[in-house]
Amino acid sequence: MTHRFPVKEIALQSGLSTATVDRVLNNRAHVSPQTRRRVEDAIEELARQETQLSAKGRRFFIDIVVEAPSRFSREIQRASEAVLPLFRPAALRPRFTFAETMTENDCVTVLDRIRKRGSQGVCLKARDTERVRAAIDRLTAKNIPVVTVFTDIPDARRLAYAGLDNIKAGQTAAYLMLKLLKPTDTCVLTTLSQHAFQGEEDRFHAFRLELHRLRPDIELIDASGGGGLNPSTAQEVSAKLSWPAKIAGVYSMGGGNFAILNALKASGHTPDFFIAHDLDEDNLELLRKDVLTLVLHHDLRDDMRMAFRHILAFHGVGEPLNQTESDIQIVTPMNIPAGF
């Protein structure tokens, strides 16, 4: 495996020992495919973060652990690396652990591994479960701060949350949908990737309460649980589409929108409007094709910058921050931000 970085730096980036990295680099026996992949990923990360290696300031390794579809994880990685120069002379070294599906046990194993090897902080997007909360508490007890990103776990001893105000997002979606619904409309489809993601759950409850407050006649068809992944999302939506009445609109809180649209089409449903979240590559394509009506967007770079600032402040670099959440931007096919 060709590379241009010292074994020690690859070991620090991958979270593996120098001996393990040396075995991988020299193609020795008894190396699992997962370990080889961690070394390959670490070398790729170092190549993208090469300017951070030469930074003269204090060095901070920050672990970013995310359960999300790969299209969203890629956006998180780009956003994280884009803001690194803002923190010079400090040298921030993010280490990424991404999975499209991460069971409770998987997540706990990753967090406990970080606790044992050490870290200056963790940015975490994970399900809100009892064992995950306990793992966060163990990290905090080890003086490793945890900032939840994009979906909160408020009952754990996390340092802060960085991301969208999900309650306001749900209320905003309800307000917009109420403006789009006709008096004769009776059904709306809602989807979350997982109800265990507290952020999406907040969106859902706020949306439902506001919609039912003003239009109690509207029936919500909830087709959640597909993880934002196209195959499983299609299955969840298709299972709910024996509904006889016209589905007037869709509020998708967790992605998989190509699958949602295909399942609707296959079932003979043609909603008049579709509200989604995040400017990932799928939603950008659907916006440009004028298939999505609007997207509720928040700047991931600002979110990751805020998460990093919380961690640095914990270590005495910069001032402590008040709890801050992202503003909602309403994006239509007519106002896609520059740079996307």
Protein backbone atom coordinates (compact mmCIF):
# COMPACT_ATOMS: atom_id res chain seq x y z
CA MET A 1 0.00 0.00 0.00
CA THR A 2 1.66 3.23 -1.11
CA HIS A 3 1.49 6.22 1.22
CA ARG A 4 3.43 9.30 2.19
CA PHE A 5 2.67 9.56 5.90
CA PRO A 6 4.59 8.28 8.94
CA VAL A 7 3.25 5.09 10.50
CA LYS A 8 2.69 6.98 13.77
CA GLU A 9 0.41 9.52 12.05
CA ILE A 10 -1.57 6.77 10.33
CA ALA A 11 -1.93 4.99 13.67
CA LEU A 12 -3.19 8.14 15.37
CA GLN A 13 -5.65 8.80 12.56
CA SER A 14 -6.98 5.25 12.42
CA GLY A 15 -7.01 4.62 16.16
CA LEU A 16 -4.92 1.48 15.66
CA SER A 17 -1.53 0.56 17.08
CA THR A 18 1.63 1.28 15.07
CA ALA A 19 2.28 -2.48 14.94
CA THR A 20 -1.12 -3.13 13.37
CA VAL A 21 -0.64 -0.33 10.85
CA ASP A 22 2.79 -1.72 9.96
CA ARG A 23 1.26 -5.17 9.33
CA VAL A 24 -1.31 -3.65 7.00
CA LEU A 25 1.19 -1.51 5.10
CA ASN A 26 3.50 -4.45 4.56
CA ASN A 27 0.72 -6.89 3.61
CA ARG A 28 1.49 -9.27 6.46
CA ALA A 29 -0.84 -12.05 7.55
CA HIS A 30 -3.60 -11.95 10.15
CA VAL A 31 -5.11 -8.62 9.14
CA SER A 32 -8.90 -8.45 8.86
CA PRO A 33 -10.58 -6.66 5.93
CA GLN A 34 -12.10 -4.22 8.43
CA THR A 35 -8.68 -3.31 9.83
CA ARG A 36 -7.23 -2.89 6.35
CA ARG A 37 -10.15 -0.61 5.47
CA ARG A 38 -9.55 1.52 8.60
CA VAL A 39 -5.93 2.06 7.55
CA GLU A 40 -6.94 2.90 3.97
CA ASP A 41 -9.55 5.36 5.24
CA ALA A 42 -7.02 6.95 7.61
CA ILE A 43 -4.56 7.52 4.76
CA GLU A 44 -7.30 9.12 2.65
CA GLU A 45 -8.28 11.36 5.58
CA LEU A 46 -4.64 12.38 6.11
CA ALA A 47 -4.34 13.28 2.44
CA ARG A 48 -7.33 15.61 2.72
CA GLN A 49 -6.14 17.07 6.03
CA GLU A 50 -2.47 17.38 5.07
CA THR A 51 -2.29 21.09 5.89
CA GLN A 52 -3.35 20.23 9.45
CA LEU A 53 -0.29 17.99 9.87
CA SER A 54 2.04 20.97 9.52
CA ALA A 55 0.05 23.28 11.81
CA LYS A 56 2.17 24.49 14.71
CA GLY A 57 -0.61 24.94 17.27
CA ARG A 58 -2.12 22.55 19.78
CA ARG A 59 -3.42 19.33 18.23
CA PHE A 60 -6.94 17.97 18.83
CA PHE A 61 -8.16 14.59 17.63
CA ILE A 62 -11.96 14.69 17.28
CA ASP A 63 -13.93 11.54 16.51
CA ILE A 64 -17.01 11.99 14.32
CA VAL A 65 -19.38 9.03 14.68
CA VAL A 66 -22.43 9.03 12.43
CA GLU A 67 -25.27 6.67 11.55
CA ALA A 68 -26.71 8.01 8.31
CA PRO A 69 -27.04 7.18 4.62
CA SER A 70 -23.69 7.56 2.87
CA ARG A 71 -24.96 10.54 0.86
CA PHE A 72 -25.43 12.49 4.12
CA SER A 73 -22.24 11.19 5.77
CA ARG A 74 -20.26 12.47 2.77
CA GLU A 75 -21.77 15.93 3.29
CA ILE A 76 -20.82 15.84 6.97
CA GLN A 77 -17.25 14.88 6.09
CA ARG A 78 -16.95 17.65 3.49
CA ALA A 79 -18.40 20.19 5.92
CA SER A 80 -16.06 19.10 8.74
CA GLU A 81 -12.94 19.32 6.61
CA ALA A 82 -14.00 22.62 5.04
CA VAL A 83 -13.98 24.44 8.40
CA LEU A 84 -10.66 23.10 9.71
CA PRO A 85 -8.61 26.13 8.51
CA LEU A 86 -10.86 28.42 10.60
CA PHE A 87 -9.31 27.05 13.80
CA ARG A 88 -5.62 27.70 13.08
CA PRO A 89 -3.17 27.80 14.74
CA ALA A 90 -4.90 24.86 16.49
CA ALA A 91 -4.66 21.66 14.45
CA LEU A 92 -7.97 19.79 14.40
CA ARG A 93 -7.72 16.19 13.22
CA PRO A 94 -11.16 14.64 12.67
CA ARG A 95 -11.40 10.85 12.57
CA PHE A 96 -14.56 9.53 10.90
CA THR A 97 -16.62 6.47 11.73
CA PHE A 98 -19.63 6.24 9.42
CA ALA A 99 -22.24 3.52 9.00
CA GLU A 100 -25.51 3.54 7.07
CA THR A 101 -27.01 1.34 9.78
CA MET A 102 -25.51 1.22 13.26
CA THR A 103 -27.21 -0.97 15.83
CA GLU A 104 -27.23 0.04 19.45
CA ASN A 105 -24.51 -2.52 20.13
CA ASP A 106 -22.42 -1.26 17.18
CA CYS A 107 -22.61 2.32 18.43
CA VAL A 108 -21.74 1.40 22.01
CA THR A 109 -18.75 -0.65 20.78
CA VAL A 110 -17.43 2.31 18.75
CA LEU A 111 -17.87 4.78 21.64
CA ASP A 112 -16.23 2.44 24.15
CA ARG A 113 -13.31 1.91 21.77
CA ILE A 114 -12.84 5.69 21.52
CA ARG A 115 -12.96 5.97 25.30
CA LYS A 116 -10.23 3.35 25.70
CA ARG A 117 -7.87 4.74 23.05
CA GLY A 118 -8.47 8.40 23.95
CA SER A 119 -9.81 11.45 22.13
CA GLN A 120 -10.18 15.18 22.66
CA GLY A 121 -13.89 15.02 21.78
CA VAL A 122 -16.67 13.18 19.96
CA CYS A 123 -19.28 14.54 17.55
CA LEU A 124 -22.10 12.00 17.56
CA LYS A 125 -25.16 11.37 15.40
CA ALA A 126 -26.81 8.29 16.86
CA ARG A 127 -30.09 6.87 18.10
CA ASP A 128 -31.31 7.92 21.52
CA THR A 129 -31.24 4.63 23.45
CA GLU A 130 -30.42 3.67 27.01
CA ARG A 131 -27.12 1.95 26.22
CA VAL A 132 -25.96 4.77 23.93
CA ARG A 133 -26.72 7.28 26.70
CA ALA A 134 -24.67 5.18 29.12
CA ALA A 135 -21.75 5.07 26.67
CA ILE A 136 -21.87 8.87 26.35
CA ASP A 137 -21.81 9.14 30.14
CA ARG A 138 -18.72 6.90 30.27
CA LEU A 139 -16.94 9.14 27.77
CA THR A 140 -17.83 12.22 29.78
CA ALA A 141 -16.56 10.59 32.97
CA LYS A 142 -13.25 10.02 31.13
CA ASN A 143 -13.11 13.78 30.36
CA ILE A 144 -13.93 13.23 26.68
CA PRO A 145 -16.66 15.74 25.74
CA VAL A 146 -19.49 14.59 23.46
CA VAL A 147 -21.38 17.00 21.20
CA THR A 148 -24.47 15.54 19.58
CA VAL A 149 -24.95 16.73 16.01
CA PHE A 150 -28.11 16.91 13.88
CA THR A 151 -30.07 14.74 16.33
CA ASP A 152 -29.82 15.26 20.07
CA ILE A 153 -29.59 12.84 23.00
CA PRO A 154 -30.56 15.32 25.72
CA ASP A 155 -30.81 12.93 28.67
CA ALA A 156 -27.17 11.87 28.34
CA ARG A 157 -24.28 13.83 29.84
CA ARG A 158 -23.36 15.33 26.50
CA LEU A 159 -21.61 18.69 26.40
CA ALA A 160 -23.87 20.36 23.84
CA TYR A 161 -26.01 19.90 20.73
CA ALA A 162 -25.14 21.42 17.34
CA GLY A 163 -27.61 21.32 14.50
CA LEU A 164 -31.04 22.31 13.32
CA ASP A 165 -33.78 23.39 15.71
CA ASN A 166 -35.88 20.37 14.88
CA ILE A 167 -39.05 21.51 16.65
CA LYS A 168 -39.08 24.75 14.66
CA ALA A 169 -38.34 22.75 11.52
CA GLY A 170 -41.42 20.60 12.07
CA GLN A 171 -43.56 23.64 12.81
CA THR A 172 -42.25 25.38 9.69
CA ALA A 173 -43.04 22.33 7.57
CA ALA A 174 -46.59 22.28 8.97
CA TYR A 175 -47.05 25.99 8.26
CA LEU A 176 -45.90 25.57 4.67
CA MET A 177 -48.00 22.47 4.14
CA LEU A 178 -51.10 24.20 5.47
CA LYS A 179 -50.57 26.88 2.85
CA LEU A 180 -50.29 24.23 0.13
CA LEU A 181 -53.18 21.97 1.13
CA LYS A 182 -56.54 22.45 -0.56
CA PRO A 183 -59.73 22.41 1.53
CA THR A 184 -60.68 19.08 -0.04
CA ASP A 185 -57.35 17.37 0.76
CA THR A 186 -57.51 14.70 3.47
CA CYS A 187 -54.21 12.73 3.54
CA VAL A 188 -50.51 13.50 4.02
CA LEU A 189 -47.63 10.99 4.02
CA THR A 190 -44.84 11.40 6.60
CA THR A 191 -41.56 9.48 6.78
CA LEU A 192 -38.69 9.36 9.28
CA SER A 193 -35.55 7.29 8.92
CA GLN A 194 -35.95 6.02 12.51
CA HIS A 195 -38.20 7.13 15.34
CA ALA A 196 -35.21 6.54 17.65
CA PHE A 197 -33.47 9.59 16.15
CA GLN A 198 -34.64 12.25 18.56
CA GLY A 199 -34.19 15.08 16.05
CA GLU A 200 -36.49 13.52 13.47
CA GLU A 201 -38.94 12.56 16.20
CA ASP A 202 -39.03 16.21 17.32
CA ARG A 203 -39.78 17.27 13.73
CA PHE A 204 -42.56 14.71 13.48
CA HIS A 205 -44.30 15.61 16.73
CA ALA A 206 -44.09 19.36 16.10
CA PHE A 207 -45.40 18.89 12.56
CA ARG A 208 -48.26 16.66 13.67
CA LEU A 209 -49.35 18.93 16.52
CA GLU A 210 -49.36 22.08 14.38
CA LEU A 211 -51.09 20.43 11.42
CA HIS A 212 -53.79 18.88 13.57
CA ARG A 213 -54.30 22.13 15.47
CA LEU A 214 -55.42 23.90 12.30
CA ARG A 215 -56.55 20.99 10.11
CA PRO A 216 -57.75 18.15 12.38
CA ASP A 217 -59.40 16.56 9.35
CA ILE A 218 -56.03 15.70 7.79
CA GLU A 219 -55.00 12.05 8.20
CA LEU A 220 -51.26 11.41 8.60
CA ILE A 221 -49.93 8.19 7.08
CA ASP A 222 -46.61 7.42 8.80
CA ALA A 223 -44.23 5.24 6.76
CA SER A 224 -41.11 5.47 8.91
CA GLY A 225 -38.26 3.11 9.71
CA GLY A 226 -36.39 2.77 6.43
CA GLY A 227 -33.23 4.40 7.74
CA GLY A 228 -33.26 6.90 4.86
CA LEU A 229 -31.98 4.07 2.63
CA ASN A 230 -33.75 3.64 -0.68
CA PRO A 231 -34.56 -0.13 -0.62
CA SER A 232 -35.86 -0.23 2.97
CA THR A 233 -37.64 3.12 2.64
CA ALA A 234 -39.43 1.85 -0.48
CA GLN A 235 -40.63 -1.19 1.48
CA GLU A 236 -41.93 0.93 4.36
CA VAL A 237 -43.78 3.33 2.05
CA SER A 238 -45.21 0.61 -0.19
CA ALA A 239 -46.61 -1.20 2.84
CA LYS A 240 -48.69 1.87 3.72
CA LEU A 241 -50.01 2.79 0.27
CA SER A 242 -53.19 0.77 0.14
CA TRP A 243 -54.79 4.03 1.29
CA PRO A 244 -57.86 4.72 -0.86
CA ALA A 245 -57.85 8.51 -0.61
CA LYS A 246 -55.47 10.77 -2.56
CA ILE A 247 -52.22 11.56 -0.77
CA ALA A 248 -52.00 15.32 -1.22
CA GLY A 249 -48.49 15.90 0.08
CA VAL A 250 -45.37 14.34 1.56
CA TYR A 251 -43.18 15.48 4.44
CA SER A 252 -39.95 13.46 4.35
CA MET A 253 -37.86 13.98 7.49
CA GLY A 254 -35.21 11.32 6.93
CA GLY A 255 -34.44 11.01 3.21
CA GLY A 256 -34.73 8.16 0.74
CA ASN A 257 -36.79 10.44 -1.47
CA PHE A 258 -36.16 8.66 -4.76
CA ALA A 259 -37.58 5.53 -3.14
CA ILE A 260 -40.58 7.41 -1.75
CA LEU A 261 -41.39 8.90 -5.14
CA ASN A 262 -41.02 5.56 -6.93
CA ALA A 263 -43.21 3.78 -4.40
CA LEU A 264 -45.88 6.46 -4.70
CA LYS A 265 -45.81 6.25 -8.49
CA ALA A 266 -46.05 2.46 -8.44
CA SER A 267 -49.10 2.69 -6.20
CA GLY A 268 -50.82 5.27 -8.39
CA HIS A 269 -50.35 8.20 -6.01
CA THR A 270 -49.21 11.58 -7.36
CA PRO A 271 -48.90 14.07 -4.47
CA ASP A 272 -49.20 17.73 -5.37
CA PHE A 273 -46.20 18.75 -3.26
CA PHE A 274 -43.22 17.25 -1.44
CA ILE A 275 -41.30 18.81 1.48
CA ALA A 276 -37.87 17.34 2.30
CA HIS A 277 -34.80 18.02 4.46
CA ASP A 278 -31.14 18.72 3.60
CA LEU A 279 -29.35 19.58 0.37
CA ASP A 280 -27.70 16.21 -0.18
CA GLU A 281 -26.95 15.00 -3.70
CA ASP A 282 -30.32 13.22 -4.08
CA ASN A 283 -32.37 16.23 -3.04
CA LEU A 284 -30.34 18.59 -5.20
CA GLU A 285 -31.06 16.43 -8.23
CA LEU A 286 -34.77 16.25 -7.36
CA LEU A 287 -34.93 20.01 -6.79
CA ARG A 288 -33.28 20.74 -10.12
CA LYS A 289 -35.79 18.45 -11.81
CA ASP A 290 -38.57 20.39 -10.03
CA VAL A 291 -39.79 17.22 -8.33
CA LEU A 292 -39.38 18.47 -4.76
CA THR A 293 -41.44 21.51 -3.84
CA LEU A 294 -39.03 22.76 -1.20
CA VAL A 295 -36.25 21.63 1.10
CA LEU A 296 -35.67 22.71 4.70
CA HIS A 297 -31.93 23.26 4.79
CA HIS A 298 -29.31 24.10 7.40
CA ASP A 299 -25.64 24.80 6.73
CA LEU A 300 -23.68 21.73 7.83
CA ARG A 301 -20.45 23.73 7.86
CA ASP A 302 -21.88 26.08 10.48
CA ASP A 303 -23.10 23.10 12.50
CA MET A 304 -19.71 21.37 12.48
CA ARG A 305 -17.90 24.64 13.17
CA MET A 306 -20.13 25.12 16.21
CA ALA A 307 -19.57 21.53 17.37
CA PHE A 308 -15.79 21.97 17.13
CA ARG A 309 -15.99 25.29 19.00
CA HIS A 310 -17.84 23.59 21.86
CA ILE A 311 -15.10 20.96 22.12
CA LEU A 312 -12.26 23.49 21.95
CA ALA A 313 -13.93 25.65 24.62
CA PHE A 314 -14.16 22.57 26.86
CA HIS A 315 -10.37 22.33 26.57
CA GLY A 316 -9.88 26.02 27.33
CA VAL A 317 -9.45 27.24 23.76
CA GLY A 318 -11.93 30.04 23.12
CA GLU A 319 -14.92 31.17 25.14
CA PRO A 320 -17.68 28.82 26.30
CA LEU A 321 -20.72 29.02 24.04
CA ASN A 322 -24.39 29.34 24.76
CA GLN A 323 -26.46 26.50 23.33
CA THR A 324 -27.07 27.44 19.70
CA GLU A 325 -29.09 25.80 16.96
CA SER A 326 -29.11 26.34 13.21
CA ASP A 327 -31.46 28.63 11.38
CA ILE A 328 -33.84 27.06 8.87
CA GLN A 329 -33.42 27.97 5.22
CA ILE A 330 -36.26 27.29 2.80
CA VAL A 331 -34.83 26.22 -0.56
CA THR A 332 -36.88 25.85 -3.72
CA PRO A 333 -35.80 25.02 -7.28
CA MET A 334 -35.50 28.81 -7.78
CA ASN A 335 -33.05 29.61 -4.96
CA ILE A 336 -30.57 26.76 -4.62
CA PRO A 337 -27.58 28.34 -2.81
CA ALA A 338 -24.39 29.02 -4.73
CA GLY A 339 -21.80 26.30 -4.32
CA PHE A 340 -24.24 23.40 -4.50
